[in-house]
All heavy atoms as atom14 arrays in JSON, in Angstrom:
{
  "sequence": "GKSYNVLNEVWICCSSFVGFMAHRLNSLLRVWFVF",
  "atom14_mask": [
    [1, 1, 1, 1, 0, 0, 0, 0, 0, 0, 0, 0, 0, 0],
    [1, 1, 1, 1, 1, 1, 1, 1, 1, 0, 0, 0, 0, 0],
    [1, 1, 1, 1, 1, 1, 0, 0, 0, 0, 0, 0, 0, 0],
    [1, 1, 1, 1, 1, 1, 1, 1, 1, 1, 1, 1, 0, 0],
    [1, 1, 1, 1, 1, 1, 1, 1, 0, 0, 0, 0, 0, 0],
    [1, 1, 1, 1, 1, 1, 1, 0, 0, 0, 0, 0, 0, 0],
    [1, 1, 1, 1, 1, 1, 1, 1, 0, 0, 0, 0, 0, 0],
    [1, 1, 1, 1, 1, 1, 1, 1, 0, 0, 0, 0, 0, 0],
    [1, 1, 1, 1, 1, 1, 1, 1, 1, 0, 0, 0, 0, 0],
    [1, 1, 1, 1, 1, 1, 1, 0, 0, 0, 0, 0, 0, 0],
    [1, 1, 1, 1, 1, 1, 1, 1, 1, 1, 1, 1, 1, 1],
    [1, 1, 1, 1, 1, 1, 1, 1, 0, 0, 0, 0, 0, 0],
    [1, 1, 1, 1, 1, 1, 0, 0, 0, 0, 0, 0, 0, 0],
    [1, 1, 1, 1, 1, 1, 0, 0, 0, 0, 0, 0, 0, 0],
    [1, 1, 1, 1, 1, 1, 0, 0, 0, 0, 0, 0, 0, 0],
    [1, 1, 1, 1, 1, 1, 0, 0, 0, 0, 0, 0, 0, 0],
    [1, 1, 1, 1, 1, 1, 1, 1, 1, 1, 1, 0, 0, 0],
    [1, 1, 1, 1, 1, 1, 1, 0, 0, 0, 0, 0, 0, 0],
    [1, 1, 1, 1, 0, 0, 0, 0, 0, 0, 0, 0, 0, 0],
    [1, 1, 1, 1, 1, 1, 1, 1, 1, 1, 1, 0, 0, 0],
    [1, 1, 1, 1, 1, 1, 1, 1, 0, 0, 0, 0, 0, 0],
    [1, 1, 1, 1, 1, 0, 0, 0, 0, 0, 0, 0, 0, 0],
    [1, 1, 1, 1, 1, 1, 1, 1, 1, 1, 0, 0, 0, 0],
    [1, 1, 1, 1, 1, 1, 1, 1, 1, 1, 1, 0, 0, 0],
    [1, 1, 1, 1, 1, 1, 1, 1, 0, 0, 0, 0, 0, 0],
    [1, 1, 1, 1, 1, 1, 1, 1, 0, 0, 0, 0, 0, 0],
    [1, 1, 1, 1, 1, 1, 0, 0, 0, 0, 0, 0, 0, 0],
    [1, 1, 1, 1, 1, 1, 1, 1, 0, 0, 0, 0, 0, 0],
    [1, 1, 1, 1, 1, 1, 1, 1, 0, 0, 0, 0, 0, 0],
    [1, 1, 1, 1, 1, 1, 1, 1, 1, 1, 1, 0, 0, 0],
    [1, 1, 1, 1, 1, 1, 1, 0, 0, 0, 0, 0, 0, 0],
    [1, 1, 1, 1, 1, 1, 1, 1, 1, 1, 1, 1, 1, 1],
    [1, 1, 1, 1, 1, 1, 1, 1, 1, 1, 1, 0, 0, 0],
    [1, 1, 1, 1, 1, 1, 1, 0, 0, 0, 0, 0, 0, 0],
    [1, 1, 1, 1, 1, 1, 1, 1, 1, 1, 1, 0, 0, 0]
  ],
  "atom14_positions": [
    [[120.76, 109.55, -19.33], [121.32, 109.81, -18.02], [122.18, 111.05, -17.94], [122.77, 111.33, -16.89], [0.0, 0.0, 0.0], [0.0, 0.0, 0.0], [0.0, 0.0, 0.0], [0.0, 0.0, 0.0], [0.0, 0.0, 0.0], [0.0, 0.0, 0.0], [0.0, 0.0, 0.0], [0.0, 0.0, 0.0], [0.0, 0.0, 0.0], [0.0, 0.0, 0.0]],
    [[122.27, 111.82, -19.02], [123.09, 113.03, -19.05], [122.22, 114.27, -19.19], [122.46, 115.15, -20.01], [124.12, 112.96, -20.18], [125.1, 111.81, -20.06], [125.97, 111.93, -18.81], [127.0, 110.81, -18.73], [127.84, 110.92, -17.52], [0.0, 0.0, 0.0], [0.0, 0.0, 0.0], [0.0, 0.0, 0.0], [0.0, 0.0, 0.0], [0.0, 0.0, 0.0]],
    [[121.19, 114.33, -18.39], [120.31, 115.49, -18.35], [120.34, 116.06, -16.94], [120.18, 115.33, -15.96], [118.88, 115.08, -18.73], [118.0, 116.16, -18.63], [0.0, 0.0, 0.0], [0.0, 0.0, 0.0], [0.0, 0.0, 0.0], [0.0, 0.0, 0.0], [0.0, 0.0, 0.0], [0.0, 0.0, 0.0], [0.0, 0.0, 0.0], [0.0, 0.0, 0.0]],
    [[120.56, 117.37, -16.82], [120.78, 117.97, -15.51], [119.99, 119.27, -15.36], [119.88, 120.05, -16.31], [122.26, 118.29, -15.29], [123.2, 117.15, -15.58], [123.79, 117.01, -16.83], [123.49, 116.19, -14.6], [124.65, 115.95, -17.11], [124.36, 115.14, -14.87], [124.93, 115.02, -16.12], [125.79, 113.99, -16.4], [0.0, 0.0, 0.0], [0.0, 0.0, 0.0]],
    [[119.45, 119.49, -14.17], [118.96, 120.8, -13.78], [120.01, 121.43, -12.88], [120.4, 120.84, -11.87], [117.63, 120.68, -13.03], [116.5, 120.23, -13.93], [116.48, 120.56, -15.11], [115.57, 119.47, -13.39], [0.0, 0.0, 0.0], [0.0, 0.0, 0.0], [0.0, 0.0, 0.0], [0.0, 0.0, 0.0], [0.0, 0.0, 0.0], [0.0, 0.0, 0.0]],
    [[120.46, 122.62, -13.23], [121.58, 123.24, -12.52], [121.2, 124.64, -12.07], [120.32, 125.29, -12.67], [122.85, 123.28, -13.39], [123.29, 121.88, -13.76], [122.6, 124.09, -14.66], [0.0, 0.0, 0.0], [0.0, 0.0, 0.0], [0.0, 0.0, 0.0], [0.0, 0.0, 0.0], [0.0, 0.0, 0.0], [0.0, 0.0, 0.0], [0.0, 0.0, 0.0]],
    [[121.84, 125.11, -11.04], [121.58, 126.43, -10.48], [122.73, 127.36, -10.84], [123.89, 127.01, -10.67], [121.44, 126.32, -8.95], [120.99, 127.56, -8.19], [119.58, 127.96, -8.6], [121.06, 127.3, -6.69], [0.0, 0.0, 0.0], [0.0, 0.0, 0.0], [0.0, 0.0, 0.0], [0.0, 0.0, 0.0], [0.0, 0.0, 0.0], [0.0, 0.0, 0.0]],
    [[122.4, 128.53, -11.33], [123.34, 129.61, -11.63], [124.11, 129.44, -12.94], [124.14, 130.34, -13.75], [124.36, 129.82, -10.5], [123.71, 130.36, -9.25], [122.67, 130.99, -9.31], [124.34, 130.1, -8.12], [0.0, 0.0, 0.0], [0.0, 0.0, 0.0], [0.0, 0.0, 0.0], [0.0, 0.0, 0.0], [0.0, 0.0, 0.0], [0.0, 0.0, 0.0]],
    [[124.77, 128.3, -13.14], [125.64, 128.21, -14.31], [125.91, 126.75, -14.66], [125.67, 125.84, -13.86], [126.97, 128.91, -14.04], [127.74, 128.31, -12.88], [128.93, 129.16, -12.46], [128.95, 130.36, -12.78], [129.83, 128.61, -11.82], [0.0, 0.0, 0.0], [0.0, 0.0, 0.0], [0.0, 0.0, 0.0], [0.0, 0.0, 0.0], [0.0, 0.0, 0.0]],
    [[126.42, 126.56, -15.88], [126.84, 125.24, -16.36], [128.32, 125.32, -16.72], [128.76, 126.26, -17.39], [126.04, 124.81, -17.61], [126.51, 123.44, -18.08], [124.55, 124.79, -17.32], [0.0, 0.0, 0.0], [0.0, 0.0, 0.0], [0.0, 0.0, 0.0], [0.0, 0.0, 0.0], [0.0, 0.0, 0.0], [0.0, 0.0, 0.0], [0.0, 0.0, 0.0]],
    [[129.1, 124.37, -16.26], [130.52, 124.29, -16.61], [130.72, 123.07, -17.48], [130.39, 121.94, -17.09], [131.37, 124.19, -15.35], [132.84, 124.13, -15.62], [133.56, 124.93, -16.45], [133.78, 123.2, -15.06], [134.88, 124.58, -16.43], [135.05, 123.52, -15.6], [133.67, 122.15, -14.14], [136.19, 122.81, -15.25], [134.81, 121.45, -13.81], [136.05, 121.78, -14.35]],
    [[131.25, 123.27, -18.67], [131.45, 122.19, -19.63], [132.94, 122.01, -19.86], [133.65, 122.97, -20.19], [130.74, 122.49, -20.96], [129.24, 122.68, -20.72], [131.0, 121.39, -21.96], [128.49, 123.14, -21.93], [0.0, 0.0, 0.0], [0.0, 0.0, 0.0], [0.0, 0.0, 0.0], [0.0, 0.0, 0.0], [0.0, 0.0, 0.0], [0.0, 0.0, 0.0]],
    [[133.41, 120.79, -19.66], [134.83, 120.49, -19.81], [135.0, 119.43, -20.89], [134.42, 118.35, -20.8], [135.42, 120.01, -18.49], [137.16, 119.54, -18.59], [0.0, 0.0, 0.0], [0.0, 0.0, 0.0], [0.0, 0.0, 0.0], [0.0, 0.0, 0.0], [0.0, 0.0, 0.0], [0.0, 0.0, 0.0], [0.0, 0.0, 0.0], [0.0, 0.0, 0.0]],
    [[135.79, 119.73, -21.9], [136.08, 118.77, -22.97], [137.56, 118.4, -22.92], [138.42, 119.25, -22.73], [135.76, 119.36, -24.33], [134.02, 119.74, -24.58], [0.0, 0.0, 0.0], [0.0, 0.0, 0.0], [0.0, 0.0, 0.0], [0.0, 0.0, 0.0], [0.0, 0.0, 0.0], [0.0, 0.0, 0.0], [0.0, 0.0, 0.0], [0.0, 0.0, 0.0]],
    [[137.86, 117.12, -23.07], [139.25, 116.68, -23.1], [139.39, 115.58, -24.15], [138.42, 115.14, -24.74], [139.69, 116.18, -21.72], [138.92, 115.05, -21.33], [0.0, 0.0, 0.0], [0.0, 0.0, 0.0], [0.0, 0.0, 0.0], [0.0, 0.0, 0.0], [0.0, 0.0, 0.0], [0.0, 0.0, 0.0], [0.0, 0.0, 0.0], [0.0, 0.0, 0.0]],
    [[140.61, 115.11, -24.37], [140.87, 114.16, -25.46], [140.11, 112.86, -25.28], [139.69, 112.24, -26.26], [142.37, 113.89, -25.54], [142.85, 113.37, -24.29], [0.0, 0.0, 0.0], [0.0, 0.0, 0.0], [0.0, 0.0, 0.0], [0.0, 0.0, 0.0], [0.0, 0.0, 0.0], [0.0, 0.0, 0.0], [0.0, 0.0, 0.0], [0.0, 0.0, 0.0]],
    [[139.91, 112.41, -24.03], [139.24, 111.13, -23.85], [137.73, 111.27, -23.85], [137.01, 110.29, -23.97], [139.69, 110.46, -22.54], [139.33, 111.22, -21.3], [138.09, 111.03, -20.68], [140.22, 112.11, -20.73], [137.77, 111.72, -19.53], [139.88, 112.82, -19.58], [138.67, 112.63, -18.99], [0.0, 0.0, 0.0], [0.0, 0.0, 0.0], [0.0, 0.0, 0.0]],
    [[137.24, 112.49, -23.75], [135.8, 112.68, -23.8], [135.31, 112.65, -25.23], [134.24, 112.12, -25.53], [135.41, 114.02, -23.11], [133.92, 114.29, -23.3], [135.75, 113.97, -21.63], [0.0, 0.0, 0.0], [0.0, 0.0, 0.0], [0.0, 0.0, 0.0], [0.0, 0.0, 0.0], [0.0, 0.0, 0.0], [0.0, 0.0, 0.0], [0.0, 0.0, 0.0]],
    [[136.11, 113.19, -26.15], [135.7, 113.26, -27.53], [134.76, 114.42, -27.75], [134.62, 115.32, -26.92], [0.0, 0.0, 0.0], [0.0, 0.0, 0.0], [0.0, 0.0, 0.0], [0.0, 0.0, 0.0], [0.0, 0.0, 0.0], [0.0, 0.0, 0.0], [0.0, 0.0, 0.0], [0.0, 0.0, 0.0], [0.0, 0.0, 0.0], [0.0, 0.0, 0.0]],
    [[134.07, 114.4, -28.86], [133.18, 115.51, -29.2], [131.97, 115.51, -28.27], [131.35, 114.49, -28.01], [132.71, 115.37, -30.65], [131.67, 116.39, -31.04], [132.03, 117.7, -31.29], [130.34, 116.03, -31.12], [131.07, 118.64, -31.65], [129.38, 116.96, -31.46], [129.75, 118.27, -31.73], [0.0, 0.0, 0.0], [0.0, 0.0, 0.0], [0.0, 0.0, 0.0]],
    [[131.64, 116.69, -27.76], [130.48, 116.8, -26.89], [129.72, 118.07, -27.26], [130.3, 119.15, -27.31], [130.89, 116.84, -25.42], [129.71, 116.96, -24.46], [130.24, 116.79, -22.73], [131.29, 118.22, -22.55], [0.0, 0.0, 0.0], [0.0, 0.0, 0.0], [0.0, 0.0, 0.0], [0.0, 0.0, 0.0], [0.0, 0.0, 0.0], [0.0, 0.0, 0.0]],
    [[128.47, 117.91, -27.52], [127.63, 119.07, -27.79], [126.73, 119.29, -26.58], [126.54, 118.39, -25.74], [126.78, 118.83, -29.03], [0.0, 0.0, 0.0], [0.0, 0.0, 0.0], [0.0, 0.0, 0.0], [0.0, 0.0, 0.0], [0.0, 0.0, 0.0], [0.0, 0.0, 0.0], [0.0, 0.0, 0.0], [0.0, 0.0, 0.0], [0.0, 0.0, 0.0]],
    [[126.2, 120.46, -26.46], [125.32, 120.73, -25.33], [124.17, 121.62, -25.77], [124.22, 122.3, -26.78], [126.1, 121.4, -24.19], [126.48, 122.81, -24.48], [127.58, 123.13, -25.24], [125.9, 123.98, -24.11], [127.68, 124.44, -25.33], [126.67, 124.99, -24.66], [0.0, 0.0, 0.0], [0.0, 0.0, 0.0], [0.0, 0.0, 0.0], [0.0, 0.0, 0.0]],
    [[123.13, 121.57, -24.99], [121.98, 122.39, -25.27], [121.41, 122.86, -23.94], [121.27, 122.07, -23.0], [120.92, 121.57, -26.03], [119.65, 122.37, -26.34], [118.66, 121.49, -27.11], [118.21, 120.37, -26.3], [117.72, 119.25, -26.79], [117.66, 119.08, -28.08], [117.32, 118.28, -25.98], [0.0, 0.0, 0.0], [0.0, 0.0, 0.0], [0.0, 0.0, 0.0]],
    [[121.09, 124.12, -23.85], [120.47, 124.67, -22.66], [119.05, 125.08, -23.02], [118.82, 125.72, -24.04], [121.25, 125.9, -22.15], [122.72, 125.67, -21.8], [123.34, 126.98, -21.34], [122.85, 124.61, -20.72], [0.0, 0.0, 0.0], [0.0, 0.0, 0.0], [0.0, 0.0, 0.0], [0.0, 0.0, 0.0], [0.0, 0.0, 0.0], [0.0, 0.0, 0.0]],
    [[118.12, 124.68, -22.19], [116.74, 125.08, -22.44], [115.97, 125.09, -21.13], [116.52, 124.83, -20.06], [116.06, 124.13, -23.44], [116.18, 122.67, -23.04], [116.12, 122.36, -21.85], [116.35, 121.78, -23.99], [0.0, 0.0, 0.0], [0.0, 0.0, 0.0], [0.0, 0.0, 0.0], [0.0, 0.0, 0.0], [0.0, 0.0, 0.0], [0.0, 0.0, 0.0]],
    [[114.7, 125.42, -21.19], [113.77, 125.32, -20.07], [114.29, 126.0, -18.81], [114.87, 125.36, -17.94], [113.45, 123.85, -19.76], [112.88, 123.24, -20.88], [0.0, 0.0, 0.0], [0.0, 0.0, 0.0], [0.0, 0.0, 0.0], [0.0, 0.0, 0.0], [0.0, 0.0, 0.0], [0.0, 0.0, 0.0], [0.0, 0.0, 0.0], [0.0, 0.0, 0.0]],
    [[114.1, 127.29, -18.71], [114.47, 127.99, -17.49], [113.48, 127.6, -16.38], [112.28, 127.69, -16.54], [114.42, 129.51, -17.71], [115.52, 130.07, -18.63], [115.33, 131.57, -18.79], [116.89, 129.78, -18.06], [0.0, 0.0, 0.0], [0.0, 0.0, 0.0], [0.0, 0.0, 0.0], [0.0, 0.0, 0.0], [0.0, 0.0, 0.0], [0.0, 0.0, 0.0]],
    [[114.03, 127.14, -15.27], [113.21, 126.73, -14.12], [113.53, 127.66, -12.97], [114.6, 128.24, -12.89], [113.52, 125.28, -13.73], [113.38, 124.25, -14.84], [113.91, 122.9, -14.36], [111.93, 124.13, -15.26], [0.0, 0.0, 0.0], [0.0, 0.0, 0.0], [0.0, 0.0, 0.0], [0.0, 0.0, 0.0], [0.0, 0.0, 0.0], [0.0, 0.0, 0.0]],
    [[112.62, 127.77, -12.03], [112.82, 128.69, -10.92], [112.93, 127.93, -9.6], [112.21, 126.98, -9.34], [111.67, 129.7, -10.81], [111.6, 130.69, -11.97], [110.58, 131.77, -11.68], [110.33, 132.63, -12.82], [111.03, 133.7, -13.13], [112.05, 134.05, -12.37], [110.73, 134.43, -14.18], [0.0, 0.0, 0.0], [0.0, 0.0, 0.0], [0.0, 0.0, 0.0]],
    [[113.87, 128.38, -8.77], [113.95, 127.96, -7.37], [113.81, 129.23, -6.56], [114.41, 130.25, -6.88], [115.31, 127.31, -7.05], [115.37, 126.87, -5.6], [115.53, 126.1, -7.96], [0.0, 0.0, 0.0], [0.0, 0.0, 0.0], [0.0, 0.0, 0.0], [0.0, 0.0, 0.0], [0.0, 0.0, 0.0], [0.0, 0.0, 0.0], [0.0, 0.0, 0.0]],
    [[113.04, 129.19, -5.5], [112.84, 130.42, -4.75], [113.29, 130.24, -3.31], [113.09, 129.23, -2.69], [111.42, 130.92, -4.85], [110.32, 129.92, -4.78], [110.34, 128.6, -5.14], [108.99, 130.16, -4.35], [109.13, 128.02, -4.96], [108.28, 128.95, -4.47], [108.32, 131.28, -3.87], [106.94, 128.84, -4.12], [106.99, 131.16, -3.54], [106.31, 129.95, -3.66]],
    [[113.96, 131.29, -2.8], [114.55, 131.28, -1.48], [113.87, 132.31, -0.61], [113.62, 133.44, -1.03], [116.06, 131.62, -1.57], [116.85, 130.61, -2.34], [116.94, 130.67, -3.71], [117.52, 129.59, -1.68], [117.68, 129.75, -4.43], [118.26, 128.66, -2.39], [118.35, 128.74, -3.75], [0.0, 0.0, 0.0], [0.0, 0.0, 0.0], [0.0, 0.0, 0.0]],
    [[113.59, 131.94, 0.62], [113.07, 132.9, 1.58], [114.19, 133.84, 1.99], [115.3, 133.4, 2.3], [112.48, 132.19, 2.81], [112.04, 133.21, 3.86], [111.31, 131.32, 2.4], [0.0, 0.0, 0.0], [0.0, 0.0, 0.0], [0.0, 0.0, 0.0], [0.0, 0.0, 0.0], [0.0, 0.0, 0.0], [0.0, 0.0, 0.0], [0.0, 0.0, 0.0]],
    [[113.92, 135.12, 1.94], [114.92, 136.14, 2.21], [114.94, 136.49, 3.69], [113.9, 136.65, 4.31], [114.59, 137.39, 1.38], [115.54, 138.54, 1.56], [116.88, 138.39, 1.26], [115.09, 139.76, 2.04], [117.76, 139.46, 1.43], [115.96, 140.82, 2.21], [117.29, 140.66, 1.9], [0.0, 0.0, 0.0], [0.0, 0.0, 0.0], [0.0, 0.0, 0.0]]
  ]
}
């Protein structure tokens, strides 16, 4: 349940109650906007 598709950027916040958290970025996907 902790898999996300995000636009532009990823913000990762670690704190004492979260504990150790690793992350991985992969699979560039495209969204296209009409100009």
